[in-house]
Structures are given as structure tokens and as C-alpha cells.
């Protein structure tokens, strides 16, 4: 009977040792996963910064500075507004005369639905 108890004790000790090894393996796995995640995050951030820098270089090369673009848009807008003002000044008087012509030339007529009884 003592040998049976000793065998059970050995099995329990072996089970405890195996459980400790499994727990240690899980901890190592968790550490490795965390480390891999941190490395991936760092790599993603580096890639994002590189792409952002490349985009800013491309933007500066092809579009110029934002102030330059804004100035160009303002200048184009001023030119278009000036063109519109000139068009208004040259066409204003003939349009006013035509409208007045319609107002002055009124010919009163009886409406076609009017019935004299």
C-alpha cells in the first residue's frame, strides 16, 4: 500500500510539474505575442511616417506651397470677377432700355375669357 501511495505522490508531483511547465510556456507565448505586436506597431508607425513624408514631398513638388495655391486661386477669382463687372457695365444700358421698352409699350386688351352680358 505504501508503494501505491508513493506512486500517487509521484503522479501528483509530475502533474504539478507539468502544470507549471504549461503555465510557463503560456507566459512565454504571451510575452512573445506582446513583443511581436509592439514590433509590428513600431514598424507600422515608421511606414506611416515615411509615406507621409513622401506625400508631403510630392505635394510640395507638384502643387507648390498651400499659400501659393491659395494666392493663385485668389488671383484667378479676381480676374473672373473683373471680367464679370466689365460685362455688366457694357451690357447694362441696352438691357435696361429693352426692359423699359416692354414696360412703356403696353397695349390694353380685354381678356379672352371676359363675357359681356
PDB file of N, CA and C in Angstrom:
ATOM      1  N   UNK A   1       0.806  -1.171   0.000  1.00  0.00           N
ATOM      2  CA  UNK A   1       0.000   0.000   0.000  1.00  0.00           C
ATOM      3  C   UNK A   1       0.860   1.250   0.000  1.00  0.00           C
ATOM      4  N   UNK A   2       1.989   1.174   0.651  1.00  0.00           N
ATOM      5  CA  UNK A   2       2.906   2.298   0.684  1.00  0.00           C
ATOM      6  C   UNK A   2       3.423   2.600  -0.716  1.00  0.00           C
ATOM      7  N   UNK A   3       3.619   1.555  -1.513  1.00  0.00           N
ATOM      8  CA  UNK A   3       4.104   1.780  -2.871  1.00  0.00           C
ATOM      9  C   UNK A   3       3.029   2.434  -3.730  1.00  0.00           C
ATOM     10  N   UNK A   4       1.757   2.117  -3.427  1.00  0.00           N
ATOM     11  CA  UNK A   4       0.659   2.740  -4.156  1.00  0.00           C
ATOM     12  C   UNK A   4       0.584   4.222  -3.814  1.00  0.00           C
ATOM     13  N   UNK A   5       0.721   4.565  -2.547  1.00  0.00           N
ATOM     14  CA  UNK A   5       0.678   5.955  -2.123  1.00  0.00           C
ATOM     15  C   UNK A   5       1.873   6.692  -2.695  1.00  0.00           C
ATOM     16  N   UNK A   6       3.010   6.012  -2.728  1.00  0.00           N
ATOM     17  CA  UNK A   6       4.212   6.640  -3.275  1.00  0.00           C
ATOM     18  C   UNK A   6       4.029   6.884  -4.777  1.00  0.00           C
ATOM     19  N   UNK A   7       3.395   5.966  -5.485  1.00  0.00           N
ATOM     20  CA  UNK A   7       3.126   6.123  -6.929  1.00  0.00           C
ATOM     21  C   UNK A   7       2.166   7.272  -7.189  1.00  0.00           C
ATOM     22  N   UNK A   8       1.149   7.400  -6.327  1.00  0.00           N
ATOM     23  CA  UNK A   8       0.184   8.504  -6.457  1.00  0.00           C
ATOM     24  C   UNK A   8       0.887   9.822  -6.191  1.00  0.00           C
ATOM     25  N   UNK A   9       1.762   9.858  -5.184  1.00  0.00           N
ATOM     26  CA  UNK A   9       2.518  11.069  -4.863  1.00  0.00           C
ATOM     27  C   UNK A   9       3.390  11.467  -6.061  1.00  0.00           C
ATOM     28  N   UNK A  10       4.031  10.457  -6.681  1.00  0.00           N
ATOM     29  CA  UNK A  10       4.877  10.751  -7.850  1.00  0.00           C
ATOM     30  C   UNK A  10       4.021  11.293  -8.999  1.00  0.00           C
ATOM     31  N   UNK A  11       2.846  10.698  -9.219  1.00  0.00           N
ATOM     32  CA  UNK A  11       1.948  11.186 -10.277  1.00  0.00           C
ATOM     33  C   UNK A  11       1.488  12.614 -10.002  1.00  0.00           C
ATOM     34  N   UNK A  12       1.135  12.908  -8.763  1.00  0.00           N
ATOM     35  CA  UNK A  12       0.705  14.262  -8.404  1.00  0.00           C
ATOM     36  C   UNK A  12       1.850  15.257  -8.598  1.00  0.00           C
ATOM     37  N   UNK A  13       3.061  14.858  -8.202  1.00  0.00           N
ATOM     38  CA  UNK A  13       4.222  15.734  -8.373  1.00  0.00           C
ATOM     39  C   UNK A  13       4.486  15.965  -9.856  1.00  0.00           C
ATOM     40  N   UNK A  14       4.387  14.891 -10.655  1.00  0.00           N
ATOM     41  CA  UNK A  14       4.606  15.023 -12.103  1.00  0.00           C
ATOM     42  C   UNK A  14       3.540  15.918 -12.728  1.00  0.00           C
ATOM     43  N   UNK A  15       2.279  15.784 -12.273  1.00  0.00           N
ATOM     44  CA  UNK A  15       1.195  16.613 -12.794  1.00  0.00           C
ATOM     45  C   UNK A  15       1.411  18.078 -12.434  1.00  0.00           C
ATOM     46  N   UNK A  16       1.865  18.311 -11.205  1.00  0.00           N
ATOM     47  CA  UNK A  16       2.132  19.684 -10.769  1.00  0.00           C
ATOM     48  C   UNK A  16       3.257  20.293 -11.591  1.00  0.00           C
ATOM     49  N   UNK A  17       4.321  19.492 -11.808  1.00  0.00           N
ATOM     50  CA  UNK A  17       5.461  19.966 -12.591  1.00  0.00           C
ATOM     51  C   UNK A  17       5.028  20.265 -14.029  1.00  0.00           C
ATOM     52  N   UNK A  18       4.178  19.395 -14.603  1.00  0.00           N
ATOM     53  CA  UNK A  18       3.677  19.612 -15.965  1.00  0.00           C
ATOM     54  C   UNK A  18       2.819  20.877 -16.028  1.00  0.00           C
ATOM     55  N   UNK A  19       1.984  21.101 -15.023  1.00  0.00           N
ATOM     56  CA  UNK A  19       1.135  22.298 -14.992  1.00  0.00           C
ATOM     57  C   UNK A  19       1.991  23.551 -14.911  1.00  0.00           C
ATOM     58  N   UNK A  20       3.075  23.489 -14.136  1.00  0.00           N
ATOM     59  CA  UNK A  20       3.984  24.644 -14.046  1.00  0.00           C
ATOM     60  C   UNK A  20       4.648  24.906 -15.387  1.00  0.00           C
ATOM     61  N   UNK A  21       5.062  23.823 -16.065  1.00  0.00           N
ATOM     62  CA  UNK A  21       5.697  23.996 -17.379  1.00  0.00           C
ATOM     63  C   UNK A  21       4.708  24.582 -18.382  1.00  0.00           C
ATOM     64  N   UNK A  22       3.469  24.113 -18.358  1.00  0.00           N
ATOM     65  CA  UNK A  22       2.445  24.642 -19.261  1.00  0.00           C
ATOM     66  C   UNK A  22       2.196  26.122 -18.958  1.00  0.00           C
ATOM     67  N   UNK A  23       2.116  26.476 -17.677  1.00  0.00           N
ATOM     68  CA  UNK A  23       1.893  27.875 -17.298  1.00  0.00           C
ATOM     69  C   UNK A  23       3.062  28.739 -17.755  1.00  0.00           C
ATOM     70  N   UNK A  24       4.283  28.240 -17.576  1.00  0.00           N
ATOM     71  CA  UNK A  24       5.462  28.991 -18.029  1.00  0.00           C
ATOM     72  C   UNK A  24       5.459  29.147 -19.544  1.00  0.00           C
ATOM     73  N   UNK A  25       5.084  28.099 -20.257  1.00  0.00           N
ATOM     74  CA  UNK A  25       5.015  28.167 -21.717  1.00  0.00           C
ATOM     75  C   UNK A  25       3.975  29.200 -22.161  1.00  0.00           C
ATOM     76  N   UNK A  26       2.832  29.265 -21.470  1.00  0.00           N
ATOM     77  CA  UNK A  26       1.797  30.248 -21.800  1.00  0.00           C
ATOM     78  C   UNK A  26       2.303  31.667 -21.551  1.00  0.00           C
ATOM     79  N   UNK A  27       3.045  31.842 -20.463  1.00  0.00           N
ATOM     80  CA  UNK A  27       3.609  33.164 -20.165  1.00  0.00           C
ATOM     81  C   UNK A  27       4.599  33.573 -21.249  1.00  0.00           C
ATOM     82  N   UNK A  28       5.471  32.616 -21.662  1.00  0.00           N
ATOM     83  CA  UNK A  28       6.437  32.921 -22.725  1.00  0.00           C
ATOM     84  C   UNK A  28       5.721  33.285 -24.019  1.00  0.00           C
ATOM     85  N   UNK A  29       4.668  32.520 -24.319  1.00  0.00           N
ATOM     86  CA  UNK A  29       3.895  32.791 -25.539  1.00  0.00           C
ATOM     87  C   UNK A  29       3.268  34.191 -25.470  1.00  0.00           C
ATOM     88  N   UNK A  30       2.698  34.538 -24.332  1.00  0.00           N
ATOM     89  CA  UNK A  30       2.088  35.865 -24.173  1.00  0.00           C
ATOM     90  C   UNK A  30       3.126  36.965 -24.332  1.00  0.00           C
ATOM     91  N   UNK A  31       4.338  36.756 -23.753  1.00  0.00           N
ATOM     92  CA  UNK A  31       5.414  37.745 -23.887  1.00  0.00           C
ATOM     93  C   UNK A  31       5.825  37.891 -25.355  1.00  0.00           C
ATOM     94  N   UNK A  32       5.954  36.742 -26.045  1.00  0.00           N
ATOM     95  CA  UNK A  32       6.347  36.796 -27.458  1.00  0.00           C
ATOM     96  C   UNK A  32       5.286  37.507 -28.295  1.00  0.00           C
ATOM     97  N   UNK A  33       4.010  37.219 -28.029  1.00  0.00           N
ATOM     98  CA  UNK A  33       2.936  37.882 -28.763  1.00  0.00           C
ATOM     99  C   UNK A  33       2.944  39.386 -28.515  1.00  0.00           C
ATOM    100  N   UNK A  34       3.144  39.786 -27.262  1.00  0.00           N
ATOM    101  CA  UNK A  34       3.196  41.215 -26.939  1.00  0.00           C
ATOM    102  C   UNK A  34       4.379  41.874 -27.627  1.00  0.00           C
ATOM    103  N   UNK A  35       5.522  41.201 -27.616  1.00  0.00           N
ATOM    104  CA  UNK A  35       6.715  41.742 -28.264  1.00  0.00           C
ATOM    105  C   UNK A  35       6.485  41.866 -29.771  1.00  0.00           C
ATOM    106  N   UNK A  36       5.877  40.841 -30.382  1.00  0.00           N
ATOM    107  CA  UNK A  36       5.594  40.891 -31.825  1.00  0.00           C
ATOM    108  C   UNK A  36       4.625  42.022 -32.144  1.00  0.00           C
ATOM    109  N   UNK A  37       3.624  42.212 -31.287  1.00  0.00           N
ATOM    110  CA  UNK A  37       2.662  43.291 -31.502  1.00  0.00           C
ATOM    111  C   UNK A  37       3.350  44.650 -31.408  1.00  0.00           C
ATOM    112  N   UNK A  38       4.211  44.820 -30.414  1.00  0.00           N
ATOM    113  CA  UNK A  38       4.937  46.081 -30.262  1.00  0.00           C
ATOM    114  C   UNK A  38       5.825  46.345 -31.471  1.00  0.00           C
ATOM    115  N   UNK A  39       6.527  45.310 -31.936  1.00  0.00           N
ATOM    116  CA  UNK A  39       7.392  45.472 -33.107  1.00  0.00           C
ATOM    117  C   UNK A  39       6.569  45.829 -34.340  1.00  0.00           C
ATOM    118  N   UNK A  40       5.423  45.169 -34.507  1.00  0.00           N
ATOM    119  CA  UNK A  40       4.564  45.465 -35.659  1.00  0.00           C
ATOM    120  C   UNK A  40       4.031  46.896 -35.589  1.00  0.00           C
ATOM    121  N   UNK A  41       3.634  47.326 -34.396  1.00  0.00           N
ATOM    122  CA  UNK A  41       3.141  48.698 -34.236  1.00  0.00           C
ATOM    123  C   UNK A  41       4.231  49.705 -34.577  1.00  0.00           C
ATOM    124  N   UNK A  42       5.436  49.433 -34.118  1.00  0.00           N
ATOM    125  CA  UNK A  42       6.556  50.326 -34.404  1.00  0.00           C
ATOM    126  C   UNK A  42       6.840  50.363 -35.905  1.00  0.00           C
ATOM    127  N   UNK A  43       6.804  49.204 -36.548  1.00  0.00           N
ATOM    128  CA  UNK A  43       7.056  49.144 -37.985  1.00  0.00           C
ATOM    129  C   UNK A  43       5.970  49.875 -38.764  1.00  0.00           C
ATOM    130  N   UNK A  44       4.731  49.715 -38.330  1.00  0.00           N
ATOM    131  CA  UNK A  44       3.621  50.415 -38.993  1.00  0.00           C
ATOM    132  C   UNK A  44       3.796  51.925 -38.847  1.00  0.00           C
ATOM    133  N   UNK A  45       4.172  52.375 -37.679  1.00  0.00           N
ATOM    134  CA  UNK A  45       4.365  53.815 -37.453  1.00  0.00           C
ATOM    135  C   UNK A  45       5.491  54.358 -38.329  1.00  0.00           C
ATOM    136  N   UNK A  46       6.589  53.615 -38.433  1.00  0.00           N
ATOM    137  CA  UNK A  46       7.692  54.043 -39.301  1.00  0.00           C
ATOM    138  C   UNK A  46       7.231  54.126 -40.750  1.00  0.00           C
ATOM    139  N   UNK A  47       6.472  53.115 -41.193  1.00  0.00           N
ATOM    140  CA  UNK A  47       5.972  53.106 -42.565  1.00  0.00           C
ATOM    141  C   UNK A  47       5.041  54.288 -42.804  1.00  0.00           C
ATOM    142  N   UNK A  48       4.157  54.558 -41.829  1.00  0.00           N
ATOM    143  CA  UNK A  48       3.224  55.676 -41.976  1.00  0.00           C
ATOM    144  C   UNK A  48       3.969  57.004 -42.076  1.00  0.00           C
ATOM    145  N   UNK A  49       4.982  57.172 -41.225  1.00  0.00           N
ATOM    146  CA  UNK A  49       5.758  58.404 -41.263  1.00  0.00           C
ATOM    147  C   UNK A  49       6.489  58.550 -42.593  1.00  0.00           C
ATOM    148  N   UNK A  50       7.031  57.462 -43.109  1.00  0.00           N
ATOM    149  CA  UNK A  50       7.737  57.510 -44.398  1.00  0.00           C
ATOM    150  C   UNK A  50       6.770  57.879 -45.523  1.00  0.00           C
ATOM    151  N   UNK A  51       5.583  57.280 -45.526  1.00  0.00           N
ATOM    152  CA  UNK A  51       4.603  57.590 -46.566  1.00  0.00           C
ATOM    153  C   UNK A  51       4.119  59.043 -46.447  1.00  0.00           C
ATOM    154  N   UNK A  52       3.942  59.505 -45.225  1.00  0.00           N
ATOM    155  CA  UNK A  52       3.528  60.895 -45.005  1.00  0.00           C
ATOM    156  C   UNK A  52       4.590  61.854 -45.529  1.00  0.00           C
ATOM    157  N   UNK A  53       5.851  61.563 -45.244  1.00  0.00           N
ATOM    158  CA  UNK A  53       6.942  62.401 -45.726  1.00  0.00           C
ATOM    159  C   UNK A  53       6.987  62.396 -47.255  1.00  0.00           C
ATOM    160  N   UNK A  54       6.839  61.201 -47.858  1.00  0.00           N
ATOM    161  CA  UNK A  54       6.850  61.106 -49.317  1.00  0.00           C
ATOM    162  C   UNK A  54       5.681  61.881 -49.921  1.00  0.00           C
ATOM    163  N   UNK A  55       4.521  61.815 -49.291  1.00  0.00           N
ATOM    164  CA  UNK A  55       3.361  62.548 -49.789  1.00  0.00           C
ATOM    165  C   UNK A  55       3.590  64.052 -49.716  1.00  0.00           C
ATOM    166  N   UNK A  56       4.152  64.504 -48.601  1.00  0.00           N
ATOM    167  CA  UNK A  56       4.412  65.946 -48.467  1.00  0.00           C
ATOM    168  C   UNK A  56       5.417  66.420 -49.518  1.00  0.00           C
ATOM    169  N   UNK A  57       6.433  65.601 -49.797  1.00  0.00           N
ATOM    170  CA  UNK A  57       7.390  65.953 -50.845  1.00  0.00           C
ATOM    171  C   UNK A  57       6.690  66.024 -52.199  1.00  0.00           C
ATOM    172  N   UNK A  58       5.852  65.035 -52.488  1.00  0.00           N
ATOM    173  CA  UNK A  58       5.117  65.007 -53.753  1.00  0.00           C
ATOM    174  C   UNK A  58       4.211  66.222 -53.870  1.00  0.00           C
ATOM    175  N   UNK A  59       3.504  66.513 -52.781  1.00  0.00           N
ATOM    176  CA  UNK A  59       2.588  67.656 -52.776  1.00  0.00           C
ATOM    177  C   UNK A  59       3.349  68.957 -53.009  1.00  0.00           C
ATOM    178  N   UNK A  60       4.475  69.103 -52.330  1.00  0.00           N
ATOM    179  CA  UNK A  60       5.265  70.329 -52.487  1.00  0.00           C
ATOM    180  C   UNK A  60       5.813  70.434 -53.909  1.00  0.00           C
ATOM    181  N   UNK A  61       6.209  69.321 -54.465  1.00  0.00           N
ATOM    182  CA  UNK A  61       6.793  69.322 -55.812  1.00  0.00           C
ATOM    183  C   UNK A  61       5.751  69.641 -56.878  1.00  0.00           C
ATOM    184  N   UNK A  62       4.569  69.065 -56.758  1.00  0.00           N
ATOM    185  CA  UNK A  62       3.578  69.208 -57.815  1.00  0.00           C
ATOM    186  C   UNK A  62       2.586  70.347 -57.607  1.00  0.00           C
ATOM    187  N   UNK A  63       2.345  70.704 -56.373  1.00  0.00           N
ATOM    188  CA  UNK A  63       1.351  71.746 -56.131  1.00  0.00           C
ATOM    189  C   UNK A  63       1.957  73.033 -55.610  1.00  0.00           C
ATOM    190  N   UNK A  64       3.165  73.000 -55.178  1.00  0.00           N
ATOM    191  CA  UNK A  64       3.728  74.184 -54.556  1.00  0.00           C
ATOM    192  C   UNK A  64       3.217  74.287 -53.134  1.00  0.00           C
ATOM    193  N   UNK A  65       3.491  75.367 -52.537  1.00  0.00           N
ATOM    194  CA  UNK A  65       3.034  75.535 -51.156  1.00  0.00           C
ATOM    195  C   UNK A  65       1.536  75.839 -51.141  1.00  0.00           C
ATOM    196  N   UNK A  66       0.923  75.629 -50.007  1.00  0.00           N
ATOM    197  CA  UNK A  66      -0.511  75.900 -49.884  1.00  0.00           C
ATOM    198  C   UNK A  66      -0.798  77.391 -50.065  1.00  0.00           C
ATOM    199  N   UNK A  67       0.116  78.214 -49.591  1.00  0.00           N
ATOM    200  CA  UNK A  67      -0.081  79.658 -49.742  1.00  0.00           C
ATOM    201  C   UNK A  67      -0.032  80.041 -51.224  1.00  0.00           C
ATOM    202  N   UNK A  68       0.873  79.403 -51.972  1.00  0.00           N
ATOM    203  CA  UNK A  68       0.969  79.680 -53.409  1.00  0.00           C
ATOM    204  C   UNK A  68      -0.303  79.296 -54.130  1.00  0.00           C
ATOM    205  N   UNK A  69      -0.866  78.154 -53.770  1.00  0.00           N
ATOM    206  CA  UNK A  69      -2.111  77.699 -54.387  1.00  0.00           C
ATOM    207  C   UNK A  69      -3.244  78.651 -54.026  1.00  0.00           C
ATOM    208  N   UNK A  70      -3.304  79.044 -52.771  1.00  0.00           N
ATOM    209  CA  UNK A  70      -4.364  79.968 -52.341  1.00  0.00           C
ATOM    210  C   UNK A  70      -4.231  81.309 -53.059  1.00  0.00           C
ATOM    211  N   UNK A  71      -3.016  81.795 -53.221  1.00  0.00           N
ATOM    212  CA  UNK A  71      -2.797  83.067 -53.918  1.00  0.00           C
ATOM    213  C   UNK A  71      -3.220  82.954 -55.382  1.00  0.00           C
ATOM    214  N   UNK A  72      -2.910  81.820 -56.001  1.00  0.00           N
ATOM    215  CA  UNK A  72      -3.284  81.619 -57.408  1.00  0.00           C
ATOM    216  C   UNK A  72      -4.802  81.586 -57.548  1.00  0.00           C
ATOM    217  N   UNK A  73      -5.473  80.909 -56.635  1.00  0.00           N
ATOM    218  CA  UNK A  73      -6.940  80.844 -56.676  1.00  0.00           C
ATOM    219  C   UNK A  73      -7.529  82.236 -56.483  1.00  0.00           C
ATOM    220  N   UNK A  74      -6.989  83.012 -55.546  1.00  0.00           N
ATOM    221  CA  UNK A  74      -7.472  84.378 -55.321  1.00  0.00           C
ATOM    222  C   UNK A  74      -7.290  85.236 -56.561  1.00  0.00           C
ATOM    223  N   UNK A  75      -6.135  85.121 -57.200  1.00  0.00           N
ATOM    224  CA  UNK A  75      -5.869  85.915 -58.405  1.00  0.00           C
ATOM    225  C   UNK A  75      -6.834  85.533 -59.517  1.00  0.00           C
ATOM    226  N   UNK A  76      -7.056  84.234 -59.714  1.00  0.00           N
ATOM    227  CA  UNK A  76      -7.995  83.788 -60.746  1.00  0.00           C
ATOM    228  C   UNK A  76      -9.403  84.289 -60.454  1.00  0.00           C
ATOM    229  N   UNK A  77      -9.786  84.275 -59.191  1.00  0.00           N
ATOM    230  CA  UNK A  77     -11.113  84.745 -58.806  1.00  0.00           C
ATOM    231  C   UNK A  77     -11.255  86.236 -59.090  1.00  0.00           C
ATOM    232  N   UNK A  78     -10.222  87.006 -58.751  1.00  0.00           N
ATOM    233  CA  UNK A  78     -10.275  88.449 -59.023  1.00  0.00           C
ATOM    234  C   UNK A  78     -10.405  88.725 -60.515  1.00  0.00           C
ATOM    235  N   UNK A  79      -9.658  87.994 -61.340  1.00  0.00           N
ATOM    236  CA  UNK A  79      -9.724  88.189 -62.790  1.00  0.00           C
ATOM    237  C   UNK A  79     -11.134  87.885 -63.295  1.00  0.00           C
ATOM    238  N   UNK A  80     -11.719  86.797 -62.837  1.00  0.00           N
ATOM    239  CA  UNK A  80     -13.067  86.433 -63.285  1.00  0.00           C
ATOM    240  C   UNK A  80     -14.096  87.461 -62.830  1.00  0.00           C
ATOM    241  N   UNK A  81     -13.961  87.936 -61.588  1.00  0.00           N
ATOM    242  CA  UNK A  81     -14.895  88.962 -61.108  1.00  0.00           C
ATOM    243  C   UNK A  81     -14.754  90.249 -61.922  1.00  0.00           C
ATOM    244  N   UNK A  82     -13.539  90.644 -62.252  1.00  0.00           N
ATOM    245  CA  UNK A  82     -13.328  91.840 -63.074  1.00  0.00           C
ATOM    246  C   UNK A  82     -13.964  91.669 -64.454  1.00  0.00           C
ATOM    247  N   UNK A  83     -13.804  90.476 -65.035  1.00  0.00           N
ATOM    248  CA  UNK A  83     -14.433  90.212 -66.340  1.00  0.00           C
ATOM    249  C   UNK A  83     -15.949  90.331 -66.252  1.00  0.00           C
ATOM    250  N   UNK A  84     -16.525  89.802 -65.174  1.00  0.00           N
ATOM    251  CA  UNK A  84     -17.975  89.888 -64.994  1.00  0.00           C
ATOM    252  C   UNK A  84     -18.425  91.334 -64.828  1.00  0.00           C
ATOM    253  N   UNK A  85     -17.668  92.120 -64.059  1.00  0.00           N
ATOM    254  CA  UNK A  85     -18.025  93.533 -63.864  1.00  0.00           C
ATOM    255  C   UNK A  85     -17.986  94.290 -65.199  1.00  0.00           C
ATOM    256  N   UNK A  86     -16.965  94.023 -66.006  1.00  0.00           N
ATOM    257  CA  UNK A  86     -16.886  94.687 -67.324  1.00  0.00           C
ATOM    258  C   UNK A  86     -18.064  94.278 -68.204  1.00  0.00           C
ATOM    259  N   UNK A  87     -18.421  92.987 -68.168  1.00  0.00           N
ATOM    260  CA  UNK A  87     -19.546  92.518 -68.976  1.00  0.00           C
ATOM    261  C   UNK A  87     -20.837  93.192 -68.519  1.00  0.00           C
ATOM    262  N   UNK A  88     -21.000  93.347 -67.230  1.00  0.00           N
ATOM    263  CA  UNK A  88     -22.197  94.014 -66.702  1.00  0.00           C
ATOM    264  C   UNK A  88     -22.230  95.464 -67.167  1.00  0.00           C
ATOM    265  N   UNK A  89     -21.112  96.158 -67.071  1.00  0.00           N
ATOM    266  CA  UNK A  89     -21.073  97.575 -67.459  1.00  0.00           C
ATOM    267  C   UNK A  89     -21.371  97.764 -68.945  1.00  0.00           C
ATOM    268  N   UNK A  90     -20.869  96.848 -69.781  1.00  0.00           N
ATOM    269  CA  UNK A  90     -21.095  97.026 -71.216  1.00  0.00           C
ATOM    270  C   UNK A  90     -22.511  96.640 -71.626  1.00  0.00           C
ATOM    271  N   UNK A  91     -23.149  95.748 -70.926  1.00  0.00           N
ATOM    272  CA  UNK A  91     -24.474  95.265 -71.338  1.00  0.00           C
ATOM    273  C   UNK A  91     -25.618  95.840 -70.499  1.00  0.00           C
ATOM    274  N   UNK A  92     -25.300  96.594 -69.485  1.00  0.00           N
ATOM    275  CA  UNK A  92     -26.328  97.069 -68.570  1.00  0.00           C
ATOM    276  C   UNK A  92     -27.315  98.021 -69.265  1.00  0.00           C
ATOM    277  N   UNK A  93     -26.823  99.007 -69.958  1.00  0.00           N
ATOM    278  CA  UNK A  93     -27.687 100.020 -70.576  1.00  0.00           C
ATOM    279  C   UNK A  93     -28.617  99.433 -71.635  1.00  0.00           C
ATOM    280  N   UNK A  94     -28.110  98.583 -72.561  1.00  0.00           N
ATOM    281  CA  UNK A  94     -29.053  98.001 -73.540  1.00  0.00           C
ATOM    282  C   UNK A  94     -30.137  97.140 -72.887  1.00  0.00           C
ATOM    283  N   UNK A  95     -29.801  96.434 -71.837  1.00  0.00           N
ATOM    284  CA  UNK A  95     -30.786  95.586 -71.169  1.00  0.00           C
ATOM    285  C   UNK A  95     -31.835  96.456 -70.481  1.00  0.00           C
ATOM    286  N   UNK A  96     -31.390  97.520 -69.828  1.00  0.00           N
ATOM    287  CA  UNK A  96     -32.340  98.427 -69.168  1.00  0.00           C
ATOM    288  C   UNK A  96     -33.277  99.047 -70.202  1.00  0.00           C
ATOM    289  N   UNK A  97     -32.737  99.469 -71.334  1.00  0.00           N
ATOM    290  CA  UNK A  97     -33.569 100.066 -72.384  1.00  0.00           C
ATOM    291  C   UNK A  97     -34.595  99.068 -72.914  1.00  0.00           C
ATOM    292  N   UNK A  98     -34.185  97.808 -73.070  1.00  0.00           N
ATOM    293  CA  UNK A  98     -35.110  96.795 -73.567  1.00  0.00           C
ATOM    294  C   UNK A  98     -36.230  96.536 -72.557  1.00  0.00           C
ATOM    295  N   UNK A  99     -35.886  96.482 -71.285  1.00  0.00           N
ATOM    296  CA  UNK A  99     -36.907  96.275 -70.251  1.00  0.00           C
ATOM    297  C   UNK A  99     -37.872  97.458 -70.219  1.00  0.00           C
ATOM    298  N   UNK A 100     -37.336  98.667 -70.294  1.00  0.00           N
ATOM    299  CA  UNK A 100     -38.206  99.853 -70.305  1.00  0.00           C
ATOM    300  C   UNK A 100     -39.107  99.864 -71.533  1.00  0.00           C
ATOM    301  N   UNK A 101     -38.632  99.400 -72.657  1.00  0.00           N
ATOM    302  CA  UNK A 101     -39.420  99.336 -73.880  1.00  0.00           C
ATOM    303  C   UNK A 101     -40.649  98.448 -73.653  1.00  0.00           C
ATOM    304  N   UNK A 102     -40.445  97.311 -72.983  1.00  0.00           N
ATOM    305  CA  UNK A 102     -41.573  96.422 -72.696  1.00  0.00           C
ATOM    306  C   UNK A 102     -42.546  97.071 -71.717  1.00  0.00           C
ATOM    307  N   UNK A 103     -42.035  97.832 -70.772  1.00  0.00           N
ATOM    308  CA  UNK A 103     -42.901  98.484 -69.784  1.00  0.00           C
ATOM    309  C   UNK A 103     -43.708  99.611 -70.441  1.00  0.00           C
ATOM    310  N   UNK A 104     -43.072 100.386 -71.295  1.00  0.00           N
ATOM    311  CA  UNK A 104     -43.750 101.527 -71.915  1.00  0.00           C
ATOM    312  C   UNK A 104     -44.753 101.110 -72.986  1.00  0.00           C
ATOM    313  N   UNK A 105     -44.506 100.062 -73.686  1.00  0.00           N
ATOM    314  CA  UNK A 105     -45.376  99.645 -74.793  1.00  0.00           C
ATOM    315  C   UNK A 105     -46.434  98.654 -74.301  1.00  0.00           C
ATOM    316  N   UNK A 106     -47.345  99.167 -73.553  1.00  0.00           N
ATOM    317  CA  UNK A 106     -48.434  98.329 -73.051  1.00  0.00           C
ATOM    318  C   UNK A 106     -49.646  98.596 -73.931  1.00  0.00           C
ATOM    319  N   UNK A 107     -50.221  97.548 -74.455  1.00  0.00           N
ATOM    320  CA  UNK A 107     -51.453  97.720 -75.235  1.00  0.00           C
ATOM    321  C   UNK A 107     -52.576  97.014 -74.481  1.00  0.00           C
ATOM    322  N   UNK A 108     -53.466  97.781 -73.895  1.00  0.00           N
ATOM    323  CA  UNK A 108     -54.539  97.179 -73.108  1.00  0.00           C
ATOM    324  C   UNK A 108     -55.512  96.428 -74.011  1.00  0.00           C
ATOM    325  N   UNK A 109     -55.855  95.217 -73.567  1.00  0.00           N
ATOM    326  CA  UNK A 109     -56.799  94.387 -74.303  1.00  0.00           C
ATOM    327  C   UNK A 109     -57.742  93.733 -73.298  1.00  0.00           C
ATOM    328  N   UNK A 110     -58.893  93.403 -73.770  1.00  0.00           N
ATOM    329  CA  UNK A 110     -59.851  92.688 -72.942  1.00  0.00           C
ATOM    330  C   UNK A 110     -59.450  91.212 -72.971  1.00  0.00           C
ATOM    331  N   UNK A 111     -59.509  90.608 -71.798  1.00  0.00           N
ATOM    332  CA  UNK A 111     -59.107  89.200 -71.719  1.00  0.00           C
ATOM    333  C   UNK A 111     -60.087  88.344 -72.497  1.00  0.00           C
ATOM    334  N   UNK A 112     -59.610  87.267 -73.082  1.00  0.00           N
ATOM    335  CA  UNK A 112     -60.442  86.445 -73.938  1.00  0.00           C
ATOM    336  C   UNK A 112     -61.560  85.736 -73.177  1.00  0.00           C
ATOM    337  N   UNK A 113     -61.429  85.592 -71.894  1.00  0.00           N
ATOM    338  CA  UNK A 113     -62.465  84.918 -71.091  1.00  0.00           C
ATOM    339  C   UNK A 113     -63.516  85.900 -70.551  1.00  0.00           C
ATOM    340  N   UNK A 114     -63.342  87.154 -70.805  1.00  0.00           N
ATOM    341  CA  UNK A 114     -64.288  88.140 -70.314  1.00  0.00           C
ATOM    342  C   UNK A 114     -65.579  88.054 -71.104  1.00  0.00           C
ATOM    343  N   UNK A 115     -66.712  87.971 -70.396  1.00  0.00           N
ATOM    344  CA  UNK A 115     -68.030  87.901 -71.051  1.00  0.00           C
ATOM    345  C   UNK A 115     -68.803  89.190 -70.737  1.00  0.00           C
ATOM    346  N   UNK A 116     -69.276  89.836 -71.793  1.00  0.00           N
ATOM    347  CA  UNK A 116     -70.134  90.984 -71.586  1.00  0.00           C
ATOM    348  C   UNK A 116     -71.563  90.484 -71.639  1.00  0.00           C
ATOM    349  N   UNK A 117     -72.266  90.733 -70.629  1.00  0.00           N
ATOM    350  CA  UNK A 117     -73.661  90.254 -70.595  1.00  0.00           C
ATOM    351  C   UNK A 117     -74.651  91.333 -70.792  1.00  0.00           C
TER     352      UNK A 117
END
